[in-house]
Amino acid sequence: MSDILDEAYAVVQCKECPWYKSCVVPMKFTAEDIRRQLEASAPGVNISLQADLSLQNLLSSMATAAQNSLLEGCPVFIERLRANPKLAQHLKKVMQDGSREEGYGENSPDAGSGTTRH
């Protein structure tokens, strides 16, 4: 009985989630965002809007690197990845194998739990 309730809860949890069907999105950073963050973290330092070209290039590179390596994720999705290491490993394998997602389903580590929808 507990399994049925857990499965129902997982489905409802996803459908009520404001992230529904958008479990993970890349974080958006600009050089201006990083400049503001630097100024906020070091109040005595003034990074002018007319900063030299090398500083602007550095900030742009940092913004690009952040966008390519950081994701913002749905709390439900993150909780499921933490609770199920096999699911996380399976997703990693799918991504490394060139996104052969059609193989995800019956034999997936999360099959039958109702959590594959999110």
C-alpha atoms as a PDB file:
ATOM      1  CA  MET A   1       0.000   0.000   0.000  1.00  0.00           C
ATOM      2  CA  SER A   2       2.872   2.334   0.789  1.00  0.00           C
ATOM      3  CA  ASP A   3       4.269   1.911  -2.742  1.00  0.00           C
ATOM      4  CA  ILE A   4       0.968   3.006  -4.292  1.00  0.00           C
ATOM      5  CA  LEU A   5       0.806   6.072  -2.065  1.00  0.00           C
ATOM      6  CA  ASP A   6       4.435   6.937  -2.825  1.00  0.00           C
ATOM      7  CA  GLU A   7       3.770   6.634  -6.555  1.00  0.00           C
ATOM      8  CA  ALA A   8       0.626   8.789  -6.366  1.00  0.00           C
ATOM      9  CA  TYR A   9       2.475  11.383  -4.283  1.00  0.00           C
ATOM     10  CA  ALA A  10       5.309  11.522  -6.832  1.00  0.00           C
ATOM     11  CA  VAL A  11       2.890  12.148  -9.718  1.00  0.00           C
ATOM     12  CA  VAL A  12       0.985  14.849  -7.829  1.00  0.00           C
ATOM     13  CA  GLN A  13       4.219  16.432  -6.657  1.00  0.00           C
ATOM     14  CA  CYS A  14       5.394  16.838 -10.260  1.00  0.00           C
ATOM     15  CA  LYS A  15       2.096  18.115 -11.623  1.00  0.00           C
ATOM     16  CA  GLU A  16       1.862  20.759  -8.896  1.00  0.00           C
ATOM     17  CA  CYS A  17       5.476  21.821  -9.322  1.00  0.00           C
ATOM     18  CA  PRO A  18       5.950  25.271 -10.894  1.00  0.00           C
ATOM     19  CA  TRP A  19       8.822  23.745 -12.863  1.00  0.00           C
ATOM     20  CA  TYR A  20       6.492  21.126 -14.458  1.00  0.00           C
ATOM     21  CA  LYS A  21       8.246  19.630 -17.497  1.00  0.00           C
ATOM     22  CA  SER A  22      11.208  21.998 -17.066  1.00  0.00           C
ATOM     23  CA  CYS A  23      13.142  20.156 -14.377  1.00  0.00           C
ATOM     24  CA  VAL A  24      16.510  21.659 -15.235  1.00  0.00           C
ATOM     25  CA  VAL A  25      17.466  24.893 -16.983  1.00  0.00           C
ATOM     26  CA  PRO A  26      20.847  26.499 -17.572  1.00  0.00           C
ATOM     27  CA  MET A  27      21.544  29.430 -15.290  1.00  0.00           C
ATOM     28  CA  LYS A  28      21.790  32.785 -17.043  1.00  0.00           C
ATOM     29  CA  PHE A  29      24.755  35.008 -16.230  1.00  0.00           C
ATOM     30  CA  THR A  30      26.031  38.124 -17.912  1.00  0.00           C
ATOM     31  CA  ALA A  31      29.255  40.015 -17.397  1.00  0.00           C
ATOM     32  CA  GLU A  32      27.155  42.750 -15.773  1.00  0.00           C
ATOM     33  CA  ASP A  33      25.685  40.243 -13.278  1.00  0.00           C
ATOM     34  CA  ILE A  34      29.177  39.158 -12.256  1.00  0.00           C
ATOM     35  CA  ARG A  35      30.371  42.763 -11.999  1.00  0.00           C
ATOM     36  CA  ARG A  36      27.451  43.606  -9.667  1.00  0.00           C
ATOM     37  CA  GLN A  37      28.167  40.503  -7.585  1.00  0.00           C
ATOM     38  CA  LEU A  38      31.833  41.457  -7.258  1.00  0.00           C
ATOM     39  CA  GLU A  39      30.896  44.978  -6.185  1.00  0.00           C
ATOM     40  CA  ALA A  40      28.421  43.629  -3.637  1.00  0.00           C
ATOM     41  CA  SER A  41      30.937  41.208  -2.143  1.00  0.00           C
ATOM     42  CA  ALA A  42      33.710  43.828  -1.886  1.00  0.00           C
ATOM     43  CA  PRO A  43      32.010  47.141  -0.970  1.00  0.00           C
ATOM     44  CA  GLY A  44      35.254  49.153  -1.006  1.00  0.00           C
ATOM     45  CA  VAL A  45      36.118  48.136  -4.542  1.00  0.00           C
ATOM     46  CA  ASN A  46      34.607  50.173  -7.354  1.00  0.00           C
ATOM     47  CA  ILE A  47      34.499  48.387 -10.688  1.00  0.00           C
ATOM     48  CA  SER A  48      33.499  51.120 -13.077  1.00  0.00           C
ATOM     49  CA  LEU A  49      31.202  50.575 -16.012  1.00  0.00           C
ATOM     50  CA  GLN A  50      34.083  51.733 -18.194  1.00  0.00           C
ATOM     51  CA  ALA A  51      36.430  49.020 -16.919  1.00  0.00           C
ATOM     52  CA  ASP A  52      39.356  48.185 -19.151  1.00  0.00           C
ATOM     53  CA  LEU A  53      38.966  45.723 -21.980  1.00  0.00           C
ATOM     54  CA  SER A  54      40.855  42.884 -20.270  1.00  0.00           C
ATOM     55  CA  LEU A  55      38.544  43.053 -17.220  1.00  0.00           C
ATOM     56  CA  GLN A  56      35.477  43.061 -19.471  1.00  0.00           C
ATOM     57  CA  ASN A  57      36.859  40.028 -21.324  1.00  0.00           C
ATOM     58  CA  LEU A  58      37.522  38.266 -18.023  1.00  0.00           C
ATOM     59  CA  LEU A  59      33.983  38.947 -16.798  1.00  0.00           C
ATOM     60  CA  SER A  60      32.518  37.766 -20.114  1.00  0.00           C
ATOM     61  CA  SER A  61      34.580  34.578 -19.944  1.00  0.00           C
ATOM     62  CA  MET A  62      33.419  33.967 -16.381  1.00  0.00           C
ATOM     63  CA  ALA A  63      29.794  34.463 -17.423  1.00  0.00           C
ATOM     64  CA  THR A  64      30.182  32.015 -20.311  1.00  0.00           C
ATOM     65  CA  ALA A  65      31.874  29.440 -18.085  1.00  0.00           C
ATOM     66  CA  ALA A  66      29.111  29.753 -15.493  1.00  0.00           C
ATOM     67  CA  GLN A  67      26.400  29.277 -18.114  1.00  0.00           C
ATOM     68  CA  ASN A  68      28.153  26.179 -19.443  1.00  0.00           C
ATOM     69  CA  SER A  69      28.611  24.528 -16.078  1.00  0.00           C
ATOM     70  CA  LEU A  70      25.769  25.551 -13.761  1.00  0.00           C
ATOM     71  CA  LEU A  71      22.174  24.422 -13.818  1.00  0.00           C
ATOM     72  CA  GLU A  72      19.155  25.532 -11.893  1.00  0.00           C
ATOM     73  CA  GLY A  73      16.951  22.604 -10.957  1.00  0.00           C
ATOM     74  CA  CYS A  74      13.512  21.851  -9.664  1.00  0.00           C
ATOM     75  CA  PRO A  75      13.656  20.935  -5.962  1.00  0.00           C
ATOM     76  CA  VAL A  76      11.643  17.760  -6.619  1.00  0.00           C
ATOM     77  CA  PHE A  77      14.053  16.662  -9.355  1.00  0.00           C
ATOM     78  CA  ILE A  78      17.090  17.386  -7.178  1.00  0.00           C
ATOM     79  CA  GLU A  79      15.545  15.485  -4.259  1.00  0.00           C
ATOM     80  CA  ARG A  80      14.939  12.472  -6.496  1.00  0.00           C
ATOM     81  CA  LEU A  81      18.492  12.512  -7.825  1.00  0.00           C
ATOM     82  CA  ARG A  82      19.868  12.643  -4.295  1.00  0.00           C
ATOM     83  CA  ALA A  83      17.536   9.890  -3.079  1.00  0.00           C
ATOM     84  CA  ASN A  84      18.234   7.561  -5.996  1.00  0.00           C
ATOM     85  CA  PRO A  85      21.918   7.324  -7.002  1.00  0.00           C
ATOM     86  CA  LYS A  86      21.022   4.766  -9.682  1.00  0.00           C
ATOM     87  CA  LEU A  87      18.742   7.322 -11.357  1.00  0.00           C
ATOM     88  CA  ALA A  88      21.521   9.911 -11.327  1.00  0.00           C
ATOM     89  CA  GLN A  89      23.981   7.383 -12.797  1.00  0.00           C
ATOM     90  CA  HIS A  90      21.456   6.384 -15.461  1.00  0.00           C
ATOM     91  CA  LEU A  91      20.892  10.008 -16.502  1.00  0.00           C
ATOM     92  CA  LYS A  92      24.641  10.525 -16.652  1.00  0.00           C
ATOM     93  CA  LYS A  93      25.026   7.432 -18.838  1.00  0.00           C
ATOM     94  CA  VAL A  94      22.214   8.561 -21.152  1.00  0.00           C
ATOM     95  CA  MET A  95      23.925  11.917 -21.619  1.00  0.00           C
ATOM     96  CA  GLN A  96      27.338  10.354 -22.178  1.00  0.00           C
ATOM     97  CA  ASP A  97      25.970   7.828 -24.692  1.00  0.00           C
ATOM     98  CA  GLY A  98      24.684  10.529 -27.009  1.00  0.00           C
ATOM     99  CA  SER A  99      21.171  10.865 -25.597  1.00  0.00           C
ATOM    100  CA  ARG A 100      19.768   7.465 -26.499  1.00  0.00           C
ATOM    101  CA  GLU A 101      16.686   8.327 -24.451  1.00  0.00           C
ATOM    102  CA  GLU A 102      14.461   5.780 -26.141  1.00  0.00           C
ATOM    103  CA  GLY A 103      16.123   3.204 -23.905  1.00  0.00           C
ATOM    104  CA  TYR A 104      14.787   4.909 -20.785  1.00  0.00           C
ATOM    105  CA  GLY A 105      11.678   3.245 -19.465  1.00  0.00           C
ATOM    106  CA  GLU A 106      11.097  -0.377 -18.510  1.00  0.00           C
ATOM    107  CA  ASN A 107      14.655  -1.100 -17.397  1.00  0.00           C
ATOM    108  CA  SER A 108      15.478   2.293 -15.924  1.00  0.00           C
ATOM    109  CA  PRO A 109      16.471   2.506 -12.262  1.00  0.00           C
ATOM    110  CA  ASP A 110      13.352   4.545 -11.554  1.00  0.00           C
ATOM    111  CA  ALA A 111      10.874   2.431 -13.551  1.00  0.00           C
ATOM    112  CA  GLY A 112       7.599   1.690 -11.861  1.00  0.00           C
ATOM    113  CA  SER A 113       7.903   4.366  -9.223  1.00  0.00           C
ATOM    114  CA  GLY A 114       5.959   6.977 -11.158  1.00  0.00           C
ATOM    115  CA  THR A 115       8.823   9.412 -11.054  1.00  0.00           C
ATOM    116  CA  THR A 116       9.916   9.112 -14.677  1.00  0.00           C
ATOM    117  CA  ARG A 117       7.442  11.814 -15.686  1.00  0.00           C
ATOM    118  CA  HIS A 118       9.401  14.598 -14.051  1.00  0.00           C
END
